[in-house]
Amino acid sequence: MFRSIGLPELLVILVVLLVFLFMPLVWGKIFSKAGYSGWLGLLMLIPVISLIALCWFALADWPVLSELAHLRRSTARTLPGTQN
């Protein structure tokens, strides 16, 4: 009735589980470094939503870059020897 699971099947199951556990962690780290919530990494497990999220992420203005530009503008005004 039931066939026993062999080593190749167990390896495939193990790899799939590792990918499904590892992928959201990596994407969450990428999202958090860009200034978004790391929980957005869970969206990458949903097939169609992951494509939409990836396009949004690539085209959006990242909060970390906006903050960097703001800091550069404010630092340039306060450095000695610069003209206002």
C-alpha atoms as a PDB file:
ATOM      1  CA  MET A   1       0.000   0.000   0.000  1.00  0.00           C
ATOM      2  CA  PHE A   2       2.606   2.560   1.037  1.00  0.00           C
ATOM      3  CA  ARG A   3       6.074   2.625  -0.429  1.00  0.00           C
ATOM      4  CA  SER A   4       8.936   3.416   1.918  1.00  0.00           C
ATOM      5  CA  ILE A   5      10.790   6.670   1.378  1.00  0.00           C
ATOM      6  CA  GLY A   6      14.352   6.194   0.193  1.00  0.00           C
ATOM      7  CA  LEU A   7      17.414   8.357   0.584  1.00  0.00           C
ATOM      8  CA  PRO A   8      16.881  10.421  -2.621  1.00  0.00           C
ATOM      9  CA  GLU A   9      13.368  11.374  -1.552  1.00  0.00           C
ATOM     10  CA  LEU A  10      14.565  12.316   1.938  1.00  0.00           C
ATOM     11  CA  LEU A  11      17.312  14.497   0.464  1.00  0.00           C
ATOM     12  CA  VAL A  12      14.804  16.295  -1.771  1.00  0.00           C
ATOM     13  CA  ILE A  13      12.465  16.877   1.173  1.00  0.00           C
ATOM     14  CA  LEU A  14      15.370  18.161   3.286  1.00  0.00           C
ATOM     15  CA  VAL A  15      16.562  20.572   0.570  1.00  0.00           C
ATOM     16  CA  VAL A  16      13.041  21.901   0.001  1.00  0.00           C
ATOM     17  CA  LEU A  17      12.532  22.467   3.734  1.00  0.00           C
ATOM     18  CA  LEU A  18      15.881  24.219   4.043  1.00  0.00           C
ATOM     19  CA  VAL A  19      15.075  26.497   1.111  1.00  0.00           C
ATOM     20  CA  PHE A  20      11.674  27.386   2.565  1.00  0.00           C
ATOM     21  CA  LEU A  21      13.276  28.174   5.920  1.00  0.00           C
ATOM     22  CA  PHE A  22      16.342  29.949   4.551  1.00  0.00           C
ATOM     23  CA  MET A  23      14.717  32.056   1.826  1.00  0.00           C
ATOM     24  CA  PRO A  24      12.516  34.229   4.089  1.00  0.00           C
ATOM     25  CA  LEU A  25      15.444  34.824   6.436  1.00  0.00           C
ATOM     26  CA  VAL A  26      17.681  36.063   3.618  1.00  0.00           C
ATOM     27  CA  TRP A  27      14.964  38.219   2.078  1.00  0.00           C
ATOM     28  CA  GLY A  28      14.067  39.568   5.508  1.00  0.00           C
ATOM     29  CA  LYS A  29      17.679  40.610   6.040  1.00  0.00           C
ATOM     30  CA  ILE A  30      17.753  42.315   2.633  1.00  0.00           C
ATOM     31  CA  PHE A  31      14.489  44.141   3.336  1.00  0.00           C
ATOM     32  CA  SER A  32      15.692  45.288   6.756  1.00  0.00           C
ATOM     33  CA  LYS A  33      19.005  46.576   5.354  1.00  0.00           C
ATOM     34  CA  ALA A  34      17.020  48.627   2.851  1.00  0.00           C
ATOM     35  CA  GLY A  35      15.016  50.160   5.696  1.00  0.00           C
ATOM     36  CA  TYR A  36      11.837  48.099   5.463  1.00  0.00           C
ATOM     37  CA  SER A  37      10.445  45.571   7.915  1.00  0.00           C
ATOM     38  CA  GLY A  38      12.207  42.233   7.842  1.00  0.00           C
ATOM     39  CA  TRP A  39       8.824  40.519   8.011  1.00  0.00           C
ATOM     40  CA  LEU A  40       8.378  41.327   4.317  1.00  0.00           C
ATOM     41  CA  GLY A  41      10.650  38.340   3.695  1.00  0.00           C
ATOM     42  CA  LEU A  42       7.680  36.081   4.389  1.00  0.00           C
ATOM     43  CA  LEU A  43       5.991  37.458   1.272  1.00  0.00           C
ATOM     44  CA  MET A  44       8.679  35.775  -0.800  1.00  0.00           C
ATOM     45  CA  LEU A  45       7.130  32.383   0.010  1.00  0.00           C
ATOM     46  CA  ILE A  46       3.941  33.226  -1.885  1.00  0.00           C
ATOM     47  CA  PRO A  47       4.565  32.689  -5.618  1.00  0.00           C
ATOM     48  CA  VAL A  48       2.657  35.544  -7.305  1.00  0.00           C
ATOM     49  CA  ILE A  49       3.011  37.934  -4.377  1.00  0.00           C
ATOM     50  CA  SER A  50       6.779  37.389  -4.340  1.00  0.00           C
ATOM     51  CA  LEU A  51       7.060  38.600  -7.940  1.00  0.00           C
ATOM     52  CA  ILE A  52       4.976  41.683  -7.159  1.00  0.00           C
ATOM     53  CA  ALA A  53       6.973  42.345  -3.961  1.00  0.00           C
ATOM     54  CA  LEU A  54      10.261  41.973  -5.826  1.00  0.00           C
ATOM     55  CA  CYS A  55       9.187  44.484  -8.501  1.00  0.00           C
ATOM     56  CA  TRP A  56       7.971  46.904  -5.826  1.00  0.00           C
ATOM     57  CA  PHE A  57      11.203  46.512  -3.881  1.00  0.00           C
ATOM     58  CA  ALA A  58      13.332  47.173  -6.952  1.00  0.00           C
ATOM     59  CA  LEU A  59      11.396  50.283  -7.982  1.00  0.00           C
ATOM     60  CA  ALA A  60      10.573  51.821  -4.588  1.00  0.00           C
ATOM     61  CA  ASP A  61      12.486  54.608  -2.878  1.00  0.00           C
ATOM     62  CA  TRP A  62      14.291  52.868  -0.043  1.00  0.00           C
ATOM     63  CA  PRO A  63      13.982  54.564   3.357  1.00  0.00           C
ATOM     64  CA  VAL A  64      17.670  54.022   4.091  1.00  0.00           C
ATOM     65  CA  LEU A  65      18.675  55.910   0.929  1.00  0.00           C
ATOM     66  CA  SER A  66      16.302  58.768   1.727  1.00  0.00           C
ATOM     67  CA  GLU A  67      17.783  59.027   5.220  1.00  0.00           C
ATOM     68  CA  LEU A  68      21.315  58.957   3.807  1.00  0.00           C
ATOM     69  CA  ALA A  69      20.531  61.783   1.380  1.00  0.00           C
ATOM     70  CA  HIS A  70      18.999  63.810   4.216  1.00  0.00           C
ATOM     71  CA  LEU A  71      22.063  63.272   6.422  1.00  0.00           C
ATOM     72  CA  ARG A  72      24.413  64.238   3.604  1.00  0.00           C
ATOM     73  CA  ARG A  73      22.472  67.463   3.014  1.00  0.00           C
ATOM     74  CA  SER A  74      22.445  68.362   6.698  1.00  0.00           C
ATOM     75  CA  THR A  75      26.142  67.500   7.152  1.00  0.00           C
ATOM     76  CA  ALA A  76      27.183  69.537   4.126  1.00  0.00           C
ATOM     77  CA  ARG A  77      25.564  72.621   5.666  1.00  0.00           C
ATOM     78  CA  THR A  78      27.350  72.268   8.999  1.00  0.00           C
ATOM     79  CA  LEU A  79      30.899  71.425   7.875  1.00  0.00           C
ATOM     80  CA  PRO A  80      33.448  74.213   8.387  1.00  0.00           C
ATOM     81  CA  GLY A  81      34.698  75.764   5.185  1.00  0.00           C
ATOM     82  CA  THR A  82      31.472  75.196   3.272  1.00  0.00           C
ATOM     83  CA  GLN A  83      29.381  78.036   2.082  1.00  0.00           C
ATOM     84  CA  ASN A  84      25.634  78.175   2.728  1.00  0.00           C
END
